[in-house]
Amino acid sequence: MEILASRPKTHNEVLVYYVGPAGEIMLAPDNRVMPRDLGMKGWHSFEAKTAREKDDIASRMAAQLFAKKRQMKVEQRMREQQHRDILRSSARLRLANPRSQFDAVCNKAILRKMDEDDEQFFKDLAKEFDPTSRTSGLEIERKESPIGWAAQRGEKRIGVA
């Protein structure tokens, strides 16, 4: 008996991705779907078969997402800038003639927090993408911690031993 339409076992291990006209990368929703089937004109379909190719695509997508996230932060900052300027000038005016000592402390805290936010924003803006840092994992995945009732009693082994 002959099996028709058989596929090799490794068929699902191929990573199919699309590259748009501007260079953006998107994972294919299904290995059998072409960009033209989704109405995406100008997009091309590519396959990554080896682990090196898949890792390269993952790092390129991570760089793309990093740039997109940074651009979104800049856009948000531009939208909020007028409100931030009003808040800063208002805090300075209230600090010049405080109604109480607590009011002066609160206004100093507002100004200090806004300065810290500015410094952090410019640090984030100047930061470059580092493909070696793995920031996509959850915090719980980055460090090992004992779990369960054995951990509460101190019997849980940590690491490979």
N, C-alpha and C. Protein backbone atom coordinates (compact mmCIF):
# COMPACT_ATOMS: atom_id res chain seq x y z
N MET A 1 0.84 -1.17 0.00
CA MET A 1 0.00 0.00 0.00
C MET A 1 0.89 1.24 0.00
N GLU A 2 0.59 2.16 -0.86
CA GLU A 2 1.40 3.37 -1.01
C GLU A 2 0.70 4.53 -0.30
N ILE A 3 1.49 5.30 0.45
CA ILE A 3 0.94 6.45 1.16
C ILE A 3 1.11 7.67 0.27
N LEU A 4 0.00 8.32 -0.03
CA LEU A 4 0.03 9.50 -0.87
C LEU A 4 0.21 10.76 -0.03
N ALA A 5 0.84 11.74 -0.62
CA ALA A 5 1.03 13.05 0.00
C ALA A 5 1.76 12.95 1.33
N SER A 6 2.76 12.09 1.39
CA SER A 6 3.52 12.00 2.63
C SER A 6 4.58 13.10 2.67
N ARG A 7 4.92 13.53 3.85
CA ARG A 7 5.92 14.57 4.05
C ARG A 7 7.01 14.04 4.96
N PRO A 8 8.20 14.61 4.84
CA PRO A 8 9.25 14.20 5.77
C PRO A 8 8.92 14.67 7.20
N LYS A 9 9.52 14.03 8.18
CA LYS A 9 9.26 14.38 9.57
C LYS A 9 9.69 15.80 9.90
N THR A 10 10.69 16.29 9.21
CA THR A 10 11.24 17.61 9.54
C THR A 10 10.47 18.76 8.90
N HIS A 11 9.36 18.49 8.26
CA HIS A 11 8.61 19.54 7.57
C HIS A 11 8.21 20.67 8.53
N ASN A 12 7.77 20.33 9.74
CA ASN A 12 7.31 21.34 10.68
C ASN A 12 8.46 22.04 11.39
N GLU A 13 9.69 21.58 11.21
CA GLU A 13 10.83 22.21 11.86
C GLU A 13 11.38 23.37 11.04
N VAL A 14 10.82 23.62 9.88
CA VAL A 14 11.25 24.73 9.05
C VAL A 14 10.55 26.00 9.53
N LEU A 15 11.32 27.06 9.71
CA LEU A 15 10.76 28.34 10.12
C LEU A 15 10.53 29.18 8.88
N VAL A 16 9.28 29.51 8.62
CA VAL A 16 8.94 30.32 7.46
C VAL A 16 8.65 31.73 7.94
N TYR A 17 9.25 32.70 7.27
CA TYR A 17 9.05 34.09 7.64
C TYR A 17 8.92 34.94 6.38
N TYR A 18 8.30 36.09 6.55
CA TYR A 18 8.10 37.02 5.45
C TYR A 18 8.96 38.25 5.68
N VAL A 19 9.47 38.81 4.59
CA VAL A 19 10.22 40.06 4.65
C VAL A 19 9.50 41.07 3.78
N GLY A 20 9.16 42.22 4.38
CA GLY A 20 8.41 43.25 3.68
C GLY A 20 9.30 44.16 2.86
N PRO A 21 8.71 45.04 2.10
CA PRO A 21 9.48 45.96 1.25
C PRO A 21 10.41 46.87 2.03
N ALA A 22 10.04 47.24 3.25
CA ALA A 22 10.88 48.12 4.07
C ALA A 22 11.88 47.34 4.90
N GLY A 23 11.88 46.01 4.79
CA GLY A 23 12.82 45.19 5.53
C GLY A 23 12.29 44.60 6.82
N GLU A 24 11.03 44.86 7.15
CA GLU A 24 10.49 44.30 8.38
C GLU A 24 10.25 42.81 8.21
N ILE A 25 10.44 42.09 9.31
CA ILE A 25 10.33 40.62 9.30
C ILE A 25 9.09 40.24 10.09
N MET A 26 8.36 39.25 9.58
CA MET A 26 7.17 38.75 10.25
C MET A 26 7.15 37.24 10.10
N LEU A 27 6.85 36.53 11.17
CA LEU A 27 6.73 35.09 11.08
C LEU A 27 5.47 34.73 10.30
N ALA A 28 5.57 33.67 9.51
CA ALA A 28 4.41 33.22 8.75
C ALA A 28 3.41 32.56 9.70
N PRO A 29 2.12 32.80 9.51
CA PRO A 29 1.14 32.16 10.37
C PRO A 29 1.08 30.65 10.17
N ASP A 30 1.46 30.19 8.99
CA ASP A 30 1.47 28.77 8.67
C ASP A 30 2.52 28.55 7.59
N ASN A 31 3.19 27.40 7.63
CA ASN A 31 4.24 27.12 6.66
C ASN A 31 3.72 27.04 5.22
N ARG A 32 2.45 26.74 5.07
CA ARG A 32 1.90 26.56 3.73
C ARG A 32 1.31 27.84 3.14
N VAL A 33 1.23 28.90 3.92
CA VAL A 33 0.60 30.14 3.47
C VAL A 33 1.65 31.06 2.87
N MET A 34 1.35 31.60 1.71
CA MET A 34 2.24 32.54 1.05
C MET A 34 1.75 33.97 1.32
N PRO A 35 2.64 34.96 1.23
CA PRO A 35 2.22 36.34 1.50
C PRO A 35 1.11 36.82 0.56
N ARG A 36 1.12 36.37 -0.67
CA ARG A 36 0.08 36.80 -1.61
C ARG A 36 -1.29 36.26 -1.20
N ASP A 37 -1.31 35.11 -0.50
CA ASP A 37 -2.58 34.57 0.00
C ASP A 37 -3.19 35.46 1.08
N LEU A 38 -2.34 36.23 1.75
CA LEU A 38 -2.80 37.12 2.82
C LEU A 38 -3.01 38.54 2.34
N GLY A 39 -2.79 38.77 1.04
CA GLY A 39 -2.97 40.11 0.48
C GLY A 39 -1.82 41.04 0.79
N MET A 40 -0.63 40.50 1.02
CA MET A 40 0.54 41.31 1.36
C MET A 40 1.39 41.49 0.11
N LYS A 41 1.18 42.58 -0.59
CA LYS A 41 1.93 42.83 -1.83
C LYS A 41 3.34 43.28 -1.49
N GLY A 42 4.29 42.79 -2.24
CA GLY A 42 5.68 43.17 -2.06
C GLY A 42 6.42 42.37 -1.01
N TRP A 43 5.75 41.51 -0.29
CA TRP A 43 6.38 40.69 0.73
C TRP A 43 6.90 39.41 0.08
N HIS A 44 8.03 38.91 0.60
CA HIS A 44 8.63 37.68 0.09
C HIS A 44 8.72 36.66 1.21
N SER A 45 8.58 35.40 0.84
CA SER A 45 8.62 34.31 1.81
C SER A 45 10.00 33.66 1.80
N PHE A 46 10.53 33.37 3.00
CA PHE A 46 11.82 32.72 3.14
C PHE A 46 11.71 31.61 4.17
N GLU A 47 12.64 30.67 4.10
CA GLU A 47 12.67 29.56 5.05
C GLU A 47 14.00 29.55 5.78
N ALA A 48 13.96 29.25 7.06
CA ALA A 48 15.15 29.04 7.86
C ALA A 48 15.11 27.59 8.32
N LYS A 49 16.11 26.82 7.91
CA LYS A 49 16.10 25.38 8.20
C LYS A 49 17.07 25.00 9.31
N THR A 50 18.21 25.64 9.36
CA THR A 50 19.22 25.26 10.36
C THR A 50 19.05 26.10 11.62
N ALA A 51 19.67 25.63 12.69
CA ALA A 51 19.58 26.36 13.96
C ALA A 51 20.25 27.73 13.85
N ARG A 52 21.33 27.82 13.09
CA ARG A 52 22.02 29.11 12.92
C ARG A 52 21.11 30.11 12.19
N GLU A 53 20.44 29.64 11.16
CA GLU A 53 19.53 30.53 10.42
C GLU A 53 18.38 30.99 11.31
N LYS A 54 17.83 30.08 12.10
CA LYS A 54 16.72 30.43 12.99
C LYS A 54 17.17 31.43 14.05
N ASP A 55 18.37 31.23 14.60
CA ASP A 55 18.89 32.15 15.60
C ASP A 55 19.15 33.52 14.99
N ASP A 56 19.64 33.55 13.75
CA ASP A 56 19.88 34.82 13.06
C ASP A 56 18.57 35.57 12.85
N ILE A 57 17.53 34.87 12.44
CA ILE A 57 16.22 35.50 12.24
C ILE A 57 15.68 36.00 13.57
N ALA A 58 15.85 35.21 14.63
CA ALA A 58 15.36 35.63 15.95
C ALA A 58 16.07 36.89 16.42
N SER A 59 17.38 36.98 16.19
CA SER A 59 18.10 38.19 16.61
C SER A 59 17.72 39.39 15.74
N ARG A 60 17.47 39.18 14.46
CA ARG A 60 17.03 40.28 13.60
C ARG A 60 15.65 40.77 14.02
N MET A 61 14.76 39.83 14.38
CA MET A 61 13.42 40.23 14.84
C MET A 61 13.50 40.95 16.19
N ALA A 62 14.42 40.50 17.06
CA ALA A 62 14.58 41.17 18.35
C ALA A 62 15.08 42.60 18.15
N ALA A 63 16.02 42.80 17.22
CA ALA A 63 16.50 44.15 16.92
C ALA A 63 15.38 45.01 16.35
N GLN A 64 14.56 44.41 15.52
CA GLN A 64 13.42 45.12 14.93
C GLN A 64 12.43 45.55 16.02
N LEU A 65 12.14 44.65 16.96
CA LEU A 65 11.22 44.98 18.04
C LEU A 65 11.81 46.02 18.99
N PHE A 66 13.14 45.95 19.22
CA PHE A 66 13.81 46.93 20.05
C PHE A 66 13.66 48.33 19.45
N ALA A 67 13.91 48.43 18.14
CA ALA A 67 13.78 49.73 17.47
C ALA A 67 12.34 50.23 17.49
N LYS A 68 11.40 49.32 17.32
CA LYS A 68 9.99 49.70 17.35
C LYS A 68 9.58 50.19 18.73
N LYS A 69 10.05 49.51 19.77
CA LYS A 69 9.73 49.91 21.14
C LYS A 69 10.34 51.27 21.46
N ARG A 70 11.58 51.50 21.02
CA ARG A 70 12.22 52.79 21.26
C ARG A 70 11.46 53.90 20.54
N GLN A 71 11.03 53.63 19.30
CA GLN A 71 10.27 54.63 18.55
C GLN A 71 8.95 54.94 19.24
N MET A 72 8.30 53.94 19.80
CA MET A 72 7.05 54.16 20.52
C MET A 72 7.27 55.01 21.77
N LYS A 73 8.40 54.79 22.47
CA LYS A 73 8.72 55.61 23.64
C LYS A 73 8.92 57.07 23.25
N VAL A 74 9.61 57.30 22.14
CA VAL A 74 9.84 58.66 21.67
C VAL A 74 8.52 59.32 21.31
N GLU A 75 7.67 58.60 20.60
CA GLU A 75 6.37 59.16 20.22
C GLU A 75 5.52 59.49 21.44
N GLN A 76 5.53 58.61 22.43
CA GLN A 76 4.78 58.86 23.66
C GLN A 76 5.33 60.09 24.37
N ARG A 77 6.66 60.19 24.42
CA ARG A 77 7.28 61.34 25.08
C ARG A 77 6.90 62.64 24.37
N MET A 78 6.86 62.61 23.04
CA MET A 78 6.49 63.82 22.29
C MET A 78 5.03 64.20 22.56
N ARG A 79 4.17 63.21 22.70
CA ARG A 79 2.76 63.50 23.00
C ARG A 79 2.60 64.10 24.40
N GLU A 80 3.42 63.64 25.34
CA GLU A 80 3.29 64.06 26.73
C GLU A 80 4.11 65.31 27.06
N GLN A 81 4.96 65.77 26.15
CA GLN A 81 5.91 66.84 26.47
C GLN A 81 5.23 68.13 26.91
N GLN A 82 4.16 68.53 26.26
CA GLN A 82 3.48 69.76 26.63
C GLN A 82 2.92 69.65 28.06
N HIS A 83 2.33 68.52 28.38
CA HIS A 83 1.81 68.31 29.73
C HIS A 83 2.94 68.29 30.76
N ARG A 84 4.06 67.70 30.41
CA ARG A 84 5.22 67.65 31.32
C ARG A 84 5.77 69.06 31.57
N ASP A 85 5.81 69.88 30.54
CA ASP A 85 6.30 71.26 30.70
C ASP A 85 5.38 72.05 31.63
N ILE A 86 4.08 71.88 31.46
CA ILE A 86 3.12 72.57 32.33
C ILE A 86 3.27 72.10 33.77
N LEU A 87 3.41 70.79 33.96
CA LEU A 87 3.57 70.24 35.30
C LEU A 87 4.86 70.74 35.95
N ARG A 88 5.94 70.79 35.19
CA ARG A 88 7.23 71.24 35.73
C ARG A 88 7.16 72.72 36.12
N SER A 89 6.61 73.56 35.24
CA SER A 89 6.55 75.00 35.55
C SER A 89 5.60 75.26 36.73
N SER A 90 4.53 74.50 36.81
CA SER A 90 3.60 74.64 37.93
C SER A 90 4.28 74.26 39.25
N ALA A 91 5.06 73.20 39.25
CA ALA A 91 5.77 72.79 40.46
C ALA A 91 6.81 73.82 40.86
N ARG A 92 7.48 74.43 39.89
CA ARG A 92 8.47 75.48 40.20
C ARG A 92 7.79 76.70 40.81
N LEU A 93 6.64 77.09 40.25
CA LEU A 93 5.92 78.23 40.80
C LEU A 93 5.44 77.96 42.23
N ARG A 94 4.90 76.78 42.46
CA ARG A 94 4.44 76.44 43.81
C ARG A 94 5.61 76.32 44.78
N LEU A 95 6.78 75.91 44.27
CA LEU A 95 7.96 75.80 45.13
C LEU A 95 8.50 77.18 45.50
N ALA A 96 8.31 78.17 44.62
CA ALA A 96 8.77 79.53 44.91
C ALA A 96 7.97 80.15 46.06
N ASN A 97 6.70 79.81 46.15
CA ASN A 97 5.85 80.34 47.21
C ASN A 97 5.01 79.21 47.79
N PRO A 98 5.63 78.34 48.59
CA PRO A 98 4.88 77.18 49.11
C PRO A 98 3.86 77.57 50.17
N ARG A 99 2.75 76.86 50.17
CA ARG A 99 1.70 77.11 51.16
C ARG A 99 2.05 76.48 52.50
N SER A 100 2.81 75.37 52.42
CA SER A 100 3.23 74.71 53.65
C SER A 100 4.56 74.01 53.38
N GLN A 101 5.12 73.49 54.44
CA GLN A 101 6.39 72.77 54.28
C GLN A 101 6.16 71.47 53.51
N PHE A 102 5.05 70.83 53.75
CA PHE A 102 4.72 69.59 53.04
C PHE A 102 4.53 69.86 51.54
N ASP A 103 3.94 70.98 51.21
CA ASP A 103 3.76 71.37 49.81
C ASP A 103 5.12 71.55 49.13
N ALA A 104 6.06 72.16 49.82
CA ALA A 104 7.40 72.34 49.26
C ALA A 104 8.09 70.99 49.04
N VAL A 105 7.92 70.08 49.99
CA VAL A 105 8.52 68.74 49.85
C VAL A 105 7.92 68.01 48.65
N CYS A 106 6.62 68.10 48.49
CA CYS A 106 5.94 67.44 47.36
C CYS A 106 6.38 68.02 46.02
N ASN A 107 6.52 69.34 45.95
CA ASN A 107 6.95 69.96 44.70
C ASN A 107 8.40 69.61 44.37
N LYS A 108 9.26 69.54 45.39
CA LYS A 108 10.64 69.10 45.16
C LYS A 108 10.66 67.66 44.65
N ALA A 109 9.79 66.83 45.22
CA ALA A 109 9.73 65.43 44.78
C ALA A 109 9.24 65.34 43.33
N ILE A 110 8.28 66.18 42.97
CA ILE A 110 7.80 66.19 41.58
C ILE A 110 8.92 66.57 40.62
N LEU A 111 9.66 67.62 40.97
CA LEU A 111 10.77 68.06 40.11
C LEU A 111 11.88 67.01 40.03
N ARG A 112 12.18 66.40 41.18
CA ARG A 112 13.22 65.36 41.19
C ARG A 112 12.80 64.16 40.34
N LYS A 113 11.55 63.75 40.45
CA LYS A 113 11.04 62.61 39.68
C LYS A 113 11.05 62.93 38.19
N MET A 114 10.69 64.15 37.83
CA MET A 114 10.70 64.52 36.41
C MET A 114 12.13 64.54 35.86
N ASP A 115 13.09 65.00 36.67
CA ASP A 115 14.50 64.98 36.24
C ASP A 115 14.99 63.54 36.07
N GLU A 116 14.61 62.67 37.00
CA GLU A 116 15.00 61.26 36.89
C GLU A 116 14.38 60.63 35.64
N ASP A 117 13.12 60.95 35.36
CA ASP A 117 12.47 60.43 34.16
C ASP A 117 13.17 60.91 32.89
N ASP A 118 13.59 62.18 32.90
CA ASP A 118 14.31 62.71 31.75
C ASP A 118 15.63 61.98 31.54
N GLU A 119 16.37 61.77 32.63
CA GLU A 119 17.65 61.06 32.54
C GLU A 119 17.44 59.64 32.02
N GLN A 120 16.43 58.94 32.55
CA GLN A 120 16.16 57.57 32.11
C GLN A 120 15.74 57.53 30.66
N PHE A 121 14.95 58.49 30.22
CA PHE A 121 14.52 58.55 28.83
C PHE A 121 15.71 58.71 27.90
N PHE A 122 16.62 59.62 28.24
CA PHE A 122 17.78 59.85 27.38
C PHE A 122 18.75 58.67 27.41
N LYS A 123 18.82 57.97 28.55
CA LYS A 123 19.63 56.74 28.59
C LYS A 123 19.04 55.68 27.67
N ASP A 124 17.72 55.52 27.74
CA ASP A 124 17.04 54.55 26.88
C ASP A 124 17.17 54.92 25.41
N LEU A 125 17.14 56.21 25.14
CA LEU A 125 17.25 56.69 23.77
C LEU A 125 18.65 56.43 23.19
N ALA A 126 19.66 56.55 24.03
CA ALA A 126 21.04 56.38 23.58
C ALA A 126 21.46 54.91 23.58
N LYS A 127 20.69 54.05 24.22
CA LYS A 127 21.06 52.64 24.32
C LYS A 127 20.93 51.96 22.97
N GLU A 128 21.91 51.16 22.64
CA GLU A 128 21.90 50.40 21.39
C GLU A 128 21.44 48.97 21.67
N PHE A 129 20.98 48.32 20.63
CA PHE A 129 20.52 46.94 20.77
C PHE A 129 21.72 46.02 20.98
N ASP A 130 21.62 45.16 21.97
CA ASP A 130 22.67 44.19 22.26
C ASP A 130 22.09 42.80 22.05
N PRO A 131 22.48 42.11 20.97
CA PRO A 131 21.88 40.80 20.70
C PRO A 131 22.29 39.72 21.69
N THR A 132 23.35 39.97 22.47
CA THR A 132 23.79 38.95 23.42
C THR A 132 22.96 38.96 24.70
N SER A 133 22.31 40.08 25.00
CA SER A 133 21.49 40.13 26.21
C SER A 133 20.12 39.54 25.91
N ARG A 134 19.71 38.62 26.72
CA ARG A 134 18.42 37.97 26.54
C ARG A 134 17.43 38.63 27.49
N THR A 135 16.68 39.57 26.99
CA THR A 135 15.72 40.28 27.83
C THR A 135 14.30 39.84 27.57
N SER A 136 14.14 38.81 26.75
CA SER A 136 12.78 38.41 26.41
C SER A 136 12.17 37.48 27.45
N GLY A 137 13.00 36.90 28.32
CA GLY A 137 12.49 35.95 29.29
C GLY A 137 11.82 36.64 30.47
N LEU A 138 11.00 35.89 31.16
CA LEU A 138 10.39 36.39 32.37
C LEU A 138 11.43 36.44 33.48
N GLU A 139 11.18 37.26 34.48
CA GLU A 139 12.12 37.38 35.60
C GLU A 139 12.29 36.04 36.31
N ILE A 140 11.21 35.27 36.40
CA ILE A 140 11.27 33.98 37.08
C ILE A 140 12.13 32.98 36.29
N GLU A 141 12.27 33.20 34.98
CA GLU A 141 13.09 32.31 34.17
C GLU A 141 14.57 32.64 34.27
N ARG A 142 14.91 33.86 34.68
CA ARG A 142 16.31 34.29 34.71
C ARG A 142 17.04 33.80 35.94
N LYS A 143 16.35 33.59 37.03
CA LYS A 143 17.02 33.13 38.24
C LYS A 143 16.28 31.91 38.78
N GLU A 144 17.03 31.04 39.36
CA GLU A 144 16.43 29.82 39.88
C GLU A 144 16.01 30.05 41.32
N SER A 145 14.81 29.64 41.63
CA SER A 145 14.34 29.74 43.00
C SER A 145 13.57 28.47 43.33
N PRO A 146 13.75 27.98 44.54
CA PRO A 146 13.04 26.76 44.93
C PRO A 146 11.54 27.03 45.05
N ILE A 147 10.74 26.00 44.72
CA ILE A 147 9.28 26.13 44.78
C ILE A 147 8.70 24.92 45.50
N GLY A 148 7.49 25.06 45.96
CA GLY A 148 6.77 23.95 46.57
C GLY A 148 7.04 23.81 48.06
N TRP A 149 6.42 22.79 48.66
CA TRP A 149 6.53 22.61 50.10
C TRP A 149 7.92 22.14 50.49
N ALA A 150 8.62 21.44 49.59
CA ALA A 150 9.99 21.02 49.91
C ALA A 150 10.91 22.24 50.00
N ALA A 151 10.64 23.25 49.24
CA ALA A 151 11.45 24.46 49.29
C ALA A 151 11.21 25.21 50.60
N GLN A 152 9.98 25.18 51.09
CA GLN A 152 9.68 25.86 52.35
C GLN A 152 10.40 25.20 53.51
N ARG A 153 10.59 23.88 53.42
CA ARG A 153 11.30 23.16 54.48
C ARG A 153 12.80 23.18 54.27
N GLY A 154 13.25 23.70 53.11
CA GLY A 154 14.69 23.78 52.86
C GLY A 154 15.28 22.51 52.30
N GLU A 155 14.45 21.58 51.81
CA GLU A 155 14.94 20.31 51.29
C GLU A 155 15.15 20.33 49.79
N LYS A 156 14.71 21.38 49.12
CA LYS A 156 14.78 21.40 47.66
C LYS A 156 16.19 21.69 47.22
N ARG A 157 16.72 20.82 46.34
CA ARG A 157 18.05 21.05 45.80
C ARG A 157 17.96 22.11 44.72
N ILE A 158 19.00 22.93 44.62
CA ILE A 158 19.06 23.96 43.61
C ILE A 158 20.19 23.61 42.66
N GLY A 159 19.91 23.67 41.35
CA GLY A 159 20.93 23.38 40.36
C GLY A 159 21.01 21.91 40.04
N VAL A 160 22.01 21.55 39.26
CA VAL A 160 22.22 20.16 38.87
C VAL A 160 23.23 19.55 39.82
N ALA A 161 22.80 18.56 40.55
CA ALA A 161 23.71 17.93 41.51
C ALA A 161 23.42 16.44 41.57
